[in-house]
Amino acid sequence: MVKRLVAVVLIATLGFAVGRISSRVSHPKVEWELEKAFPRWSASPCVPANAHERELFEAAVSALEATAPDKISPLKIGAEKFLGRGAYRQEGKKTVPVCPPEGIYGRVSQIVTRNETLIPRLVDYQLQLASRLEPSQHIVEALGNSAFNSTPQESEYFKHRDIRPFARTILAGFGRHASEFSKVAYDSMSDKDSLGTGAAQVAVATGYRDALPRVEAMMNDILSSIPKDKVIPWDTRNRLYELAYAIYFAGPDGKEHIAPIKELMTRTVQRWAPPFGMLDLPPKPMCQVLSRISGPDAAKPYGFCFDDRLSAVPND
C-alpha cells in the first residue's frame, strides 16, 4: 500500500514537473516591438473640402453621435476610423489631405467627452482620433492612462507591437493640458527606446523642470558618440528624431535649444526604404521640424530640404 502511494506521488510529481517544462516550451516569452514616437504629420497641406467631402464628415459625426452609448458597434468603429484618419482626395497621381470643415472636431470632442467613449484598451485609430480632439479631462485621462500603462498596449494592426510610445506623442500634443502626467513622464525619460523618448516629449510639452535642456543634452551626447563621417544607424536616428520632436513640443522655448537639430541636419542617417532596404540619406523629416520651431527660413541652409527626389514620408 505504501509502495503504491509513493508511486502515485512520484508519478504526479513527475507529471507536474513535465507540465511546467512543457508550459515553458509551448509559451515562449513574447518579444514586443515598440512603435516609434513620431507625430503623424502630413507631408502636404490640406485642400478645402468640397460639398461631397463635407457630407462625408457630417455623416461620420452623425454616426458617432447615434452610436456613442454603444460600447461595440461596427458603425461607431467606422466613424472613429474615418474621423481619425480624415478625408483624402486623389489629384492626378497625388493623394492630398482634405481640410475638415470648421468646427467638426469640436463637435466630435463634445460627443466623445459627454459619452466617455474613449475606454480601454485604446488602439491605433483611436489615438489618431484623439490627436484631433480638444483636450477635455476625459480625453486627456484616457490617453494618458494608455500612454503610461504598466503593460504593453497592442496595436490593432500589428501583433505584439506596443503603441504606448505613439500614445505619448499624442499626449504631448496636448501641451500643458496633460500636466497631470508630467512627473511620471519626466521620471520615465531616457534615450534608450521610444518609450523613454516619448516620455521626454510629454515632460517637455508639459513644461516639467529641466526636461527641455535635458533633451538637448541627450541629443548632444548621442551625436558626439558618432563620428561625423559615419552614418547614423536606424535605431539611433529614430531616437534623435523623437528627441527633436520633443524640442518642437516645447513651443517657443524650443528655439533656444535647436543646436543639436542643426547638427543632425549636417549628418547622414539610415532610412528604411522597401524594396531597396536601408539607404543612407540626409535627415529630410527634420526640415519640417526645424521649420515648425523656428520658421521656414530655418531650413534654407539645407539644400536637401528642397530636393523633391528625397521625399519625406509621414512616420518615416
C-alpha atoms as a PDB file:
ATOM      1  CA  MET A   1       0.000   0.000   0.000  1.00  0.00           C
ATOM      2  CA  VAL A   2       2.811   2.350   0.933  1.00  0.00           C
ATOM      3  CA  LYS A   3       4.699   1.451  -2.254  1.00  0.00           C
ATOM      4  CA  ARG A   4       1.613   2.220  -4.343  1.00  0.00           C
ATOM      5  CA  LEU A   5       1.146   5.582  -2.593  1.00  0.00           C
ATOM      6  CA  VAL A   6       4.801   6.502  -3.175  1.00  0.00           C
ATOM      7  CA  ALA A   7       4.470   5.524  -6.836  1.00  0.00           C
ATOM      8  CA  VAL A   8       1.382   7.710  -7.265  1.00  0.00           C
ATOM      9  CA  VAL A   9       3.128  10.667  -5.644  1.00  0.00           C
ATOM     10  CA  LEU A  10       6.209  10.198  -7.836  1.00  0.00           C
ATOM     11  CA  ILE A  11       4.114   9.984 -10.981  1.00  0.00           C
ATOM     12  CA  ALA A  12       2.116  13.047 -10.003  1.00  0.00           C
ATOM     13  CA  THR A  13       5.271  14.991  -9.166  1.00  0.00           C
ATOM     14  CA  LEU A  14       6.919  13.959 -12.431  1.00  0.00           C
ATOM     15  CA  GLY A  15       3.803  14.901 -14.368  1.00  0.00           C
ATOM     16  CA  PHE A  16       3.701  18.326 -12.695  1.00  0.00           C
ATOM     17  CA  ALA A  17       7.374  18.910 -13.482  1.00  0.00           C
ATOM     18  CA  VAL A  18       6.959  17.811 -17.091  1.00  0.00           C
ATOM     19  CA  GLY A  19       3.880  20.008 -17.333  1.00  0.00           C
ATOM     20  CA  ARG A  20       5.838  23.032 -16.126  1.00  0.00           C
ATOM     21  CA  ILE A  21       8.667  22.325 -18.567  1.00  0.00           C
ATOM     22  CA  SER A  22       6.155  21.770 -21.362  1.00  0.00           C
ATOM     23  CA  SER A  23       4.419  25.013 -20.434  1.00  0.00           C
ATOM     24  CA  ARG A  24       7.673  26.916 -20.667  1.00  0.00           C
ATOM     25  CA  VAL A  25       8.430  25.426 -24.041  1.00  0.00           C
ATOM     26  CA  SER A  26       4.975  25.947 -25.516  1.00  0.00           C
ATOM     27  CA  HIS A  27       4.574  29.532 -24.212  1.00  0.00           C
ATOM     28  CA  PRO A  28       7.785  31.406 -25.025  1.00  0.00           C
ATOM     29  CA  LYS A  29       8.219  34.915 -23.693  1.00  0.00           C
ATOM     30  CA  VAL A  30       6.621  37.448 -26.033  1.00  0.00           C
ATOM     31  CA  GLU A  31       9.021  39.961 -27.541  1.00  0.00           C
ATOM     32  CA  TRP A  32       7.285  43.282 -28.089  1.00  0.00           C
ATOM     33  CA  GLU A  33       8.195  45.724 -30.826  1.00  0.00           C
ATOM     34  CA  LEU A  34       7.837  49.372 -29.846  1.00  0.00           C
ATOM     35  CA  GLU A  35       6.025  51.783 -32.130  1.00  0.00           C
ATOM     36  CA  LYS A  36       8.008  54.926 -32.932  1.00  0.00           C
ATOM     37  CA  ALA A  37       7.133  58.106 -31.018  1.00  0.00           C
ATOM     38  CA  PHE A  38       6.573  60.089 -34.217  1.00  0.00           C
ATOM     39  CA  PRO A  39       3.705  62.540 -34.758  1.00  0.00           C
ATOM     40  CA  ARG A  40       1.689  61.777 -37.889  1.00  0.00           C
ATOM     41  CA  TRP A  41       2.226  64.992 -39.802  1.00  0.00           C
ATOM     42  CA  SER A  42       1.053  65.278 -43.372  1.00  0.00           C
ATOM     43  CA  ALA A  43       3.737  65.808 -45.992  1.00  0.00           C
ATOM     44  CA  SER A  44       1.496  68.259 -47.892  1.00  0.00           C
ATOM     45  CA  PRO A  45      -1.022  70.979 -46.930  1.00  0.00           C
ATOM     46  CA  CYS A  46      -4.714  70.146 -46.918  1.00  0.00           C
ATOM     47  CA  VAL A  47      -7.190  71.347 -49.543  1.00  0.00           C
ATOM     48  CA  PRO A  48     -10.639  72.809 -48.739  1.00  0.00           C
ATOM     49  CA  ALA A  49     -13.433  70.244 -48.529  1.00  0.00           C
ATOM     50  CA  ASN A  50     -15.918  70.162 -51.386  1.00  0.00           C
ATOM     51  CA  ALA A  51     -19.652  69.526 -50.940  1.00  0.00           C
ATOM     52  CA  HIS A  52     -19.321  65.728 -51.098  1.00  0.00           C
ATOM     53  CA  GLU A  53     -16.443  65.682 -48.612  1.00  0.00           C
ATOM     54  CA  ARG A  54     -18.365  67.889 -46.194  1.00  0.00           C
ATOM     55  CA  GLU A  55     -21.244  65.404 -46.409  1.00  0.00           C
ATOM     56  CA  LEU A  56     -18.850  62.579 -45.517  1.00  0.00           C
ATOM     57  CA  PHE A  57     -17.672  64.411 -42.405  1.00  0.00           C
ATOM     58  CA  GLU A  58     -21.242  65.198 -41.377  1.00  0.00           C
ATOM     59  CA  ALA A  59     -22.277  61.572 -41.877  1.00  0.00           C
ATOM     60  CA  ALA A  60     -19.391  60.366 -39.724  1.00  0.00           C
ATOM     61  CA  VAL A  61     -20.262  62.788 -36.917  1.00  0.00           C
ATOM     62  CA  SER A  62     -23.938  61.779 -37.061  1.00  0.00           C
ATOM     63  CA  ALA A  63     -22.988  58.099 -36.910  1.00  0.00           C
ATOM     64  CA  LEU A  64     -20.688  58.710 -33.963  1.00  0.00           C
ATOM     65  CA  GLU A  65     -23.383  60.600 -32.094  1.00  0.00           C
ATOM     66  CA  ALA A  66     -26.002  57.917 -32.777  1.00  0.00           C
ATOM     67  CA  THR A  67     -23.740  55.073 -31.618  1.00  0.00           C
ATOM     68  CA  ALA A  68     -21.915  56.876 -28.778  1.00  0.00           C
ATOM     69  CA  PRO A  69     -23.745  54.976 -25.995  1.00  0.00           C
ATOM     70  CA  ASP A  70     -22.787  51.633 -27.586  1.00  0.00           C
ATOM     71  CA  LYS A  71     -19.598  50.006 -26.356  1.00  0.00           C
ATOM     72  CA  ILE A  72     -19.191  47.958 -29.517  1.00  0.00           C
ATOM     73  CA  SER A  73     -20.704  48.963 -32.831  1.00  0.00           C
ATOM     74  CA  PRO A  74     -19.300  48.493 -36.357  1.00  0.00           C
ATOM     75  CA  LEU A  75     -20.827  51.836 -37.324  1.00  0.00           C
ATOM     76  CA  LYS A  76     -19.149  53.580 -34.390  1.00  0.00           C
ATOM     77  CA  ILE A  77     -15.792  51.985 -35.237  1.00  0.00           C
ATOM     78  CA  GLY A  78     -16.158  53.051 -38.857  1.00  0.00           C
ATOM     79  CA  ALA A  79     -16.946  56.631 -37.868  1.00  0.00           C
ATOM     80  CA  GLU A  80     -13.989  56.772 -35.475  1.00  0.00           C
ATOM     81  CA  LYS A  81     -11.656  55.376 -38.122  1.00  0.00           C
ATOM     82  CA  PHE A  82     -12.783  57.901 -40.714  1.00  0.00           C
ATOM     83  CA  LEU A  83     -12.550  60.835 -38.309  1.00  0.00           C
ATOM     84  CA  GLY A  84      -9.181  59.622 -37.026  1.00  0.00           C
ATOM     85  CA  ARG A  85      -7.676  59.311 -40.479  1.00  0.00           C
ATOM     86  CA  GLY A  86      -9.511  62.216 -42.087  1.00  0.00           C
ATOM     87  CA  ALA A  87     -10.510  62.533 -45.745  1.00  0.00           C
ATOM     88  CA  TYR A  88      -8.142  62.365 -48.709  1.00  0.00           C
ATOM     89  CA  ARG A  89      -8.590  63.349 -52.329  1.00  0.00           C
ATOM     90  CA  GLN A  90      -6.895  61.943 -55.398  1.00  0.00           C
ATOM     91  CA  GLU A  91      -5.442  64.719 -57.575  1.00  0.00           C
ATOM     92  CA  GLY A  92      -3.713  63.158 -60.559  1.00  0.00           C
ATOM     93  CA  LYS A  93      -1.052  60.844 -59.114  1.00  0.00           C
ATOM     94  CA  LYS A  94      -1.059  62.609 -55.764  1.00  0.00           C
ATOM     95  CA  THR A  95      -3.213  61.906 -52.723  1.00  0.00           C
ATOM     96  CA  VAL A  96      -3.781  65.068 -50.705  1.00  0.00           C
ATOM     97  CA  PRO A  97      -5.439  65.528 -47.297  1.00  0.00           C
ATOM     98  CA  VAL A  98      -8.752  67.369 -47.136  1.00  0.00           C
ATOM     99  CA  CYS A  99      -9.201  70.130 -44.563  1.00  0.00           C
ATOM    100  CA  PRO A 100     -12.009  69.220 -42.150  1.00  0.00           C
ATOM    101  CA  PRO A 101     -14.995  71.595 -42.139  1.00  0.00           C
ATOM    102  CA  GLU A 102     -14.742  74.217 -39.424  1.00  0.00           C
ATOM    103  CA  GLY A 103     -15.987  73.072 -36.033  1.00  0.00           C
ATOM    104  CA  ILE A 104     -16.247  69.374 -36.923  1.00  0.00           C
ATOM    105  CA  TYR A 105     -13.700  68.122 -34.406  1.00  0.00           C
ATOM    106  CA  GLY A 106     -15.056  70.433 -31.719  1.00  0.00           C
ATOM    107  CA  ARG A 107     -18.383  68.642 -32.081  1.00  0.00           C
ATOM    108  CA  VAL A 108     -16.649  65.270 -32.027  1.00  0.00           C
ATOM    109  CA  SER A 109     -14.798  66.284 -28.857  1.00  0.00           C
ATOM    110  CA  GLN A 110     -18.112  67.084 -27.174  1.00  0.00           C
ATOM    111  CA  ILE A 111     -19.627  63.738 -28.202  1.00  0.00           C
ATOM    112  CA  VAL A 112     -16.599  61.786 -27.008  1.00  0.00           C
ATOM    113  CA  THR A 113     -16.398  63.688 -23.712  1.00  0.00           C
ATOM    114  CA  ARG A 114     -20.134  63.657 -22.944  1.00  0.00           C
ATOM    115  CA  ASN A 115     -20.401  59.912 -23.537  1.00  0.00           C
ATOM    116  CA  GLU A 116     -16.882  58.999 -22.324  1.00  0.00           C
ATOM    117  CA  THR A 117     -16.345  56.869 -25.406  1.00  0.00           C
ATOM    118  CA  LEU A 118     -12.552  56.540 -25.108  1.00  0.00           C
ATOM    119  CA  ILE A 119     -12.422  53.464 -22.928  1.00  0.00           C
ATOM    120  CA  PRO A 120      -9.558  50.964 -22.508  1.00  0.00           C
ATOM    121  CA  ARG A 121      -7.926  49.466 -24.449  1.00  0.00           C
ATOM    122  CA  LEU A 122      -7.269  52.267 -26.972  1.00  0.00           C
ATOM    123  CA  VAL A 123      -5.986  51.181 -30.369  1.00  0.00           C
ATOM    124  CA  ASP A 124      -4.253  52.963 -33.241  1.00  0.00           C
ATOM    125  CA  TYR A 125      -7.194  54.699 -34.888  1.00  0.00           C
ATOM    126  CA  GLN A 126      -8.497  55.936 -31.516  1.00  0.00           C
ATOM    127  CA  LEU A 127      -5.123  57.504 -30.747  1.00  0.00           C
ATOM    128  CA  GLN A 128      -5.155  59.178 -34.148  1.00  0.00           C
ATOM    129  CA  LEU A 129      -8.695  60.445 -33.471  1.00  0.00           C
ATOM    130  CA  ALA A 130      -7.650  61.750 -30.045  1.00  0.00           C
ATOM    131  CA  SER A 131      -4.857  63.755 -31.683  1.00  0.00           C
ATOM    132  CA  ARG A 132      -7.514  65.812 -33.487  1.00  0.00           C
ATOM    133  CA  LEU A 133      -9.709  66.483 -30.446  1.00  0.00           C
ATOM    134  CA  GLU A 134      -9.891  69.226 -27.859  1.00  0.00           C
ATOM    135  CA  PRO A 135      -8.229  68.077 -24.605  1.00  0.00           C
ATOM    136  CA  SER A 136     -11.100  67.589 -22.152  1.00  0.00           C
ATOM    137  CA  GLN A 137     -10.370  65.807 -18.858  1.00  0.00           C
ATOM    138  CA  HIS A 138     -11.864  62.548 -20.169  1.00  0.00           C
ATOM    139  CA  ILE A 139      -9.793  62.641 -23.365  1.00  0.00           C
ATOM    140  CA  VAL A 140      -6.536  63.520 -21.582  1.00  0.00           C
ATOM    141  CA  GLU A 141      -7.016  60.893 -18.879  1.00  0.00           C
ATOM    142  CA  ALA A 142      -7.954  58.167 -21.361  1.00  0.00           C
ATOM    143  CA  LEU A 143      -4.929  58.930 -23.483  1.00  0.00           C
ATOM    144  CA  GLY A 144      -2.560  59.311 -20.526  1.00  0.00           C
ATOM    145  CA  ASN A 145      -3.702  56.059 -18.954  1.00  0.00           C
ATOM    146  CA  SER A 146      -2.940  54.317 -22.233  1.00  0.00           C
ATOM    147  CA  ALA A 147       0.376  56.104 -22.768  1.00  0.00           C
ATOM    148  CA  PHE A 148       1.705  55.295 -19.284  1.00  0.00           C
ATOM    149  CA  ASN A 149       0.025  51.960 -18.763  1.00  0.00           C
ATOM    150  CA  SER A 150       2.272  49.465 -16.983  1.00  0.00           C
ATOM    151  CA  THR A 151       1.647  46.791 -19.620  1.00  0.00           C
ATOM    152  CA  PRO A 152       2.152  46.871 -23.406  1.00  0.00           C
ATOM    153  CA  GLN A 153      -0.780  48.163 -25.438  1.00  0.00           C
ATOM    154  CA  GLU A 154      -1.036  46.098 -28.588  1.00  0.00           C
ATOM    155  CA  SER A 155      -1.585  47.644 -31.997  1.00  0.00           C
ATOM    156  CA  GLU A 156      -4.786  46.724 -33.784  1.00  0.00           C
ATOM    157  CA  TYR A 157      -2.835  46.178 -36.993  1.00  0.00           C
ATOM    158  CA  PHE A 158       0.460  44.588 -35.896  1.00  0.00           C
ATOM    159  CA  LYS A 159       0.681  41.700 -33.453  1.00  0.00           C
ATOM    160  CA  HIS A 160       2.979  42.326 -30.469  1.00  0.00           C
ATOM    161  CA  ARG A 161       3.609  45.956 -31.421  1.00  0.00           C
ATOM    162  CA  ASP A 162       3.322  48.212 -28.370  1.00  0.00           C
ATOM    163  CA  ILE A 163       1.722  51.562 -29.254  1.00  0.00           C
ATOM    164  CA  ARG A 164       2.391  53.326 -25.937  1.00  0.00           C
ATOM    165  CA  PRO A 165       5.168  55.474 -27.468  1.00  0.00           C
ATOM    166  CA  PHE A 166       2.746  56.816 -30.081  1.00  0.00           C
ATOM    167  CA  ALA A 167       0.179  57.490 -27.338  1.00  0.00           C
ATOM    168  CA  ARG A 168       2.829  59.547 -25.530  1.00  0.00           C
ATOM    169  CA  THR A 169       3.430  61.583 -28.680  1.00  0.00           C
ATOM    170  CA  ILE A 170      -0.290  62.311 -28.997  1.00  0.00           C
ATOM    171  CA  LEU A 171      -0.439  63.239 -25.304  1.00  0.00           C
ATOM    172  CA  ALA A 172       2.486  65.635 -25.782  1.00  0.00           C
ATOM    173  CA  GLY A 173       0.406  67.398 -28.422  1.00  0.00           C
ATOM    174  CA  PHE A 174      -1.982  68.475 -25.652  1.00  0.00           C
ATOM    175  CA  GLY A 175       0.775  70.549 -24.044  1.00  0.00           C
ATOM    176  CA  ARG A 176       0.063  71.861 -20.549  1.00  0.00           C
ATOM    177  CA  HIS A 177      -3.381  70.229 -20.597  1.00  0.00           C
ATOM    178  CA  ALA A 178      -1.543  66.939 -19.930  1.00  0.00           C
ATOM    179  CA  SER A 179       0.240  68.250 -16.822  1.00  0.00           C
ATOM    180  CA  GLU A 180      -1.172  65.506 -14.575  1.00  0.00           C
ATOM    181  CA  PHE A 181       1.191  63.122 -16.409  1.00  0.00           C
ATOM    182  CA  SER A 182       4.153  65.496 -16.249  1.00  0.00           C
ATOM    183  CA  LYS A 183       6.063  63.891 -13.373  1.00  0.00           C
ATOM    184  CA  VAL A 184       5.618  60.294 -14.468  1.00  0.00           C
ATOM    185  CA  ALA A 185       6.793  61.375 -17.908  1.00  0.00           C
ATOM    186  CA  TYR A 186       9.890  63.094 -16.509  1.00  0.00           C
ATOM    187  CA  ASP A 187      10.737  60.082 -14.370  1.00  0.00           C
ATOM    188  CA  SER A 188      10.423  57.840 -17.453  1.00  0.00           C
ATOM    189  CA  MET A 189      12.656  59.931 -19.729  1.00  0.00           C
ATOM    190  CA  SER A 190      15.554  58.207 -21.473  1.00  0.00           C
ATOM    191  CA  ASP A 191      17.210  57.914 -24.872  1.00  0.00           C
ATOM    192  CA  LYS A 192      17.243  54.108 -24.781  1.00  0.00           C
ATOM    193  CA  ASP A 193      13.987  53.405 -26.611  1.00  0.00           C
ATOM    194  CA  SER A 194      10.833  55.080 -27.914  1.00  0.00           C
ATOM    195  CA  LEU A 195       9.096  54.727 -24.552  1.00  0.00           C
ATOM    196  CA  GLY A 196      11.798  56.894 -22.985  1.00  0.00           C
ATOM    197  CA  THR A 197      11.867  59.468 -25.775  1.00  0.00           C
ATOM    198  CA  GLY A 198       8.062  59.518 -25.933  1.00  0.00           C
ATOM    199  CA  ALA A 199       8.069  60.254 -22.211  1.00  0.00           C
ATOM    200  CA  ALA A 200      10.565  63.063 -22.884  1.00  0.00           C
ATOM    201  CA  GLN A 201       8.098  64.604 -25.333  1.00  0.00           C
ATOM    202  CA  VAL A 202       5.376  64.698 -22.667  1.00  0.00           C
ATOM    203  CA  ALA A 203       7.723  66.047 -19.989  1.00  0.00           C
ATOM    204  CA  VAL A 204       8.878  68.858 -22.283  1.00  0.00           C
ATOM    205  CA  ALA A 205       5.383  69.638 -23.598  1.00  0.00           C
ATOM    206  CA  THR A 206       4.039  69.985 -20.051  1.00  0.00           C
ATOM    207  CA  GLY A 207       6.969  72.218 -19.015  1.00  0.00           C
ATOM    208  CA  TYR A 208       8.422  69.964 -16.342  1.00  0.00           C
ATOM    209  CA  ARG A 209      11.542  71.392 -14.649  1.00  0.00           C
ATOM    210  CA  ASP A 210      14.697  70.871 -16.693  1.00  0.00           C
ATOM    211  CA  ALA A 211      13.156  68.444 -19.209  1.00  0.00           C
ATOM    212  CA  LEU A 212      13.965  70.643 -22.222  1.00  0.00           C
ATOM    213  CA  PRO A 213      17.705  71.174 -21.532  1.00  0.00           C
ATOM    214  CA  ARG A 214      17.916  67.508 -20.586  1.00  0.00           C
ATOM    215  CA  VAL A 215      16.574  66.550 -24.027  1.00  0.00           C
ATOM    216  CA  GLU A 216      19.109  68.852 -25.684  1.00  0.00           C
ATOM    217  CA  ALA A 217      21.891  67.202 -23.660  1.00  0.00           C
ATOM    218  CA  MET A 218      20.663  63.731 -24.679  1.00  0.00           C
ATOM    219  CA  MET A 219      20.807  64.689 -28.355  1.00  0.00           C
ATOM    220  CA  ASN A 220      24.278  66.178 -27.964  1.00  0.00           C
ATOM    221  CA  ASP A 221      25.531  63.044 -26.203  1.00  0.00           C
ATOM    222  CA  ILE A 222      24.232  60.767 -28.952  1.00  0.00           C
ATOM    223  CA  LEU A 223      25.628  62.933 -31.747  1.00  0.00           C
ATOM    224  CA  SER A 224      29.034  63.250 -30.085  1.00  0.00           C
ATOM    225  CA  SER A 225      29.250  59.458 -29.810  1.00  0.00           C
ATOM    226  CA  ILE A 226      29.072  59.041 -33.610  1.00  0.00           C
ATOM    227  CA  PRO A 227      31.899  60.377 -35.815  1.00  0.00           C
ATOM    228  CA  LYS A 228      30.742  62.993 -38.305  1.00  0.00           C
ATOM    229  CA  ASP A 229      31.845  60.850 -41.243  1.00  0.00           C
ATOM    230  CA  LYS A 230      29.809  57.845 -40.087  1.00  0.00           C
ATOM    231  CA  VAL A 231      26.183  57.145 -40.976  1.00  0.00           C
ATOM    232  CA  ILE A 232      23.809  57.346 -38.016  1.00  0.00           C
ATOM    233  CA  PRO A 233      22.203  53.885 -37.599  1.00  0.00           C
ATOM    234  CA  TRP A 234      18.455  53.382 -37.974  1.00  0.00           C
ATOM    235  CA  ASP A 235      17.564  52.912 -34.295  1.00  0.00           C
ATOM    236  CA  THR A 236      19.812  55.782 -33.182  1.00  0.00           C
ATOM    237  CA  ARG A 237      18.326  58.000 -35.879  1.00  0.00           C
ATOM    238  CA  ASN A 238      14.839  57.252 -34.540  1.00  0.00           C
ATOM    239  CA  ARG A 239      15.848  58.261 -31.009  1.00  0.00           C
ATOM    240  CA  LEU A 240      17.324  61.514 -32.329  1.00  0.00           C
ATOM    241  CA  TYR A 241      14.181  62.248 -34.331  1.00  0.00           C
ATOM    242  CA  GLU A 242      11.981  61.603 -31.298  1.00  0.00           C
ATOM    243  CA  LEU A 243      14.078  63.911 -29.137  1.00  0.00           C
ATOM    244  CA  ALA A 244      13.901  66.568 -31.861  1.00  0.00           C
ATOM    245  CA  TYR A 245      10.103  66.249 -31.767  1.00  0.00           C
ATOM    246  CA  ALA A 246      10.332  66.787 -28.004  1.00  0.00           C
ATOM    247  CA  ILE A 247      12.056  70.133 -28.635  1.00  0.00           C
ATOM    248  CA  TYR A 248       9.246  71.009 -31.048  1.00  0.00           C
ATOM    249  CA  PHE A 249       6.660  70.251 -28.338  1.00  0.00           C
ATOM    250  CA  ALA A 250       8.327  72.882 -26.131  1.00  0.00           C
ATOM    251  CA  GLY A 251       6.689  75.609 -28.217  1.00  0.00           C
ATOM    252  CA  PRO A 252       8.503  78.973 -28.429  1.00  0.00           C
ATOM    253  CA  ASP A 253      11.003  77.874 -25.765  1.00  0.00           C
ATOM    254  CA  GLY A 254      12.314  75.269 -28.181  1.00  0.00           C
ATOM    255  CA  LYS A 255      14.001  77.949 -30.310  1.00  0.00           C
ATOM    256  CA  GLU A 256      16.802  78.231 -27.754  1.00  0.00           C
ATOM    257  CA  HIS A 257      17.557  74.504 -27.883  1.00  0.00           C
ATOM    258  CA  ILE A 258      17.805  73.662 -31.597  1.00  0.00           C
ATOM    259  CA  ALA A 259      21.610  73.408 -31.806  1.00  0.00           C
ATOM    260  CA  PRO A 260      21.600  69.578 -31.852  1.00  0.00           C
ATOM    261  CA  ILE A 261      18.866  69.565 -34.522  1.00  0.00           C
ATOM    262  CA  LYS A 262      21.071  71.793 -36.683  1.00  0.00           C
ATOM    263  CA  GLU A 263      23.970  69.425 -36.076  1.00  0.00           C
ATOM    264  CA  LEU A 264      21.767  66.477 -37.061  1.00  0.00           C
ATOM    265  CA  MET A 265      20.943  68.291 -40.309  1.00  0.00           C
ATOM    266  CA  THR A 266      24.619  68.039 -41.308  1.00  0.00           C
ATOM    267  CA  ARG A 267      24.723  64.263 -40.856  1.00  0.00           C
ATOM    268  CA  THR A 268      23.705  61.254 -42.935  1.00  0.00           C
ATOM    269  CA  VAL A 269      21.196  58.798 -41.472  1.00  0.00           C
ATOM    270  CA  GLN A 270      19.822  55.402 -42.331  1.00  0.00           C
ATOM    271  CA  ARG A 271      16.309  55.218 -43.732  1.00  0.00           C
ATOM    272  CA  TRP A 272      14.316  52.069 -44.324  1.00  0.00           C
ATOM    273  CA  ALA A 273      13.042  52.215 -47.901  1.00  0.00           C
ATOM    274  CA  PRO A 274      11.387  48.989 -49.115  1.00  0.00           C
ATOM    275  CA  PRO A 275      12.047  47.299 -51.503  1.00  0.00           C
ATOM    276  CA  PHE A 276      15.526  48.802 -51.621  1.00  0.00           C
ATOM    277  CA  GLY A 277      16.375  48.101 -47.993  1.00  0.00           C
ATOM    278  CA  MET A 278      18.333  50.526 -45.843  1.00  0.00           C
ATOM    279  CA  LEU A 279      19.551  53.689 -47.575  1.00  0.00           C
ATOM    280  CA  ASP A 280      21.980  56.380 -46.394  1.00  0.00           C
ATOM    281  CA  LEU A 281      20.256  59.754 -46.803  1.00  0.00           C
ATOM    282  CA  PRO A 282      20.026  63.252 -45.325  1.00  0.00           C
ATOM    283  CA  PRO A 283      17.509  63.612 -42.431  1.00  0.00           C
ATOM    284  CA  LYS A 284      14.769  65.263 -44.514  1.00  0.00           C
ATOM    285  CA  PRO A 285      11.931  64.825 -41.960  1.00  0.00           C
ATOM    286  CA  MET A 286      13.850  67.203 -39.706  1.00  0.00           C
ATOM    287  CA  CYS A 287      13.367  70.010 -42.236  1.00  0.00           C
ATOM    288  CA  GLN A 288       9.725  70.224 -41.202  1.00  0.00           C
ATOM    289  CA  VAL A 289      10.624  70.046 -37.508  1.00  0.00           C
ATOM    290  CA  LEU A 290      13.141  72.887 -37.804  1.00  0.00           C
ATOM    291  CA  SER A 291      10.679  74.984 -39.821  1.00  0.00           C
ATOM    292  CA  ARG A 292       7.908  74.458 -37.277  1.00  0.00           C
ATOM    293  CA  ILE A 293      10.183  75.513 -34.434  1.00  0.00           C
ATOM    294  CA  SER A 294      11.982  78.482 -35.962  1.00  0.00           C
ATOM    295  CA  GLY A 295      10.067  79.371 -39.120  1.00  0.00           C
ATOM    296  CA  PRO A 296      10.534  78.382 -42.782  1.00  0.00           C
ATOM    297  CA  ASP A 297      13.801  80.314 -43.160  1.00  0.00           C
ATOM    298  CA  ALA A 298      15.463  77.917 -40.719  1.00  0.00           C
ATOM    299  CA  ALA A 299      15.530  75.172 -43.377  1.00  0.00           C
ATOM    300  CA  LYS A 300      17.053  77.342 -46.115  1.00  0.00           C
ATOM    301  CA  PRO A 301      20.714  76.460 -45.397  1.00  0.00           C
ATOM    302  CA  TYR A 302      19.982  72.785 -46.092  1.00  0.00           C
ATOM    303  CA  GLY A 303      19.547  72.176 -49.814  1.00  0.00           C
ATOM    304  CA  PHE A 304      18.166  68.668 -49.391  1.00  0.00           C
ATOM    305  CA  CYS A 305      15.068  70.164 -47.760  1.00  0.00           C
ATOM    306  CA  PHE A 306      14.015  71.382 -51.212  1.00  0.00           C
ATOM    307  CA  ASP A 307      15.006  68.295 -53.199  1.00  0.00           C
ATOM    308  CA  ASP A 308      11.769  66.578 -54.251  1.00  0.00           C
ATOM    309  CA  ARG A 309      13.661  63.402 -55.055  1.00  0.00           C
ATOM    310  CA  LEU A 310      14.221  62.952 -51.305  1.00  0.00           C
ATOM    311  CA  SER A 311      10.587  62.669 -50.332  1.00  0.00           C
ATOM    312  CA  ALA A 312       9.857  62.754 -46.614  1.00  0.00           C
ATOM    313  CA  VAL A 313       7.361  60.035 -45.864  1.00  0.00           C
ATOM    314  CA  PRO A 314       4.960  60.591 -42.923  1.00  0.00           C
ATOM    315  CA  ASN A 315       6.019  58.444 -39.997  1.00  0.00           C
ATOM    316  CA  ASP A 316       9.388  57.887 -41.725  1.00  0.00           C
END
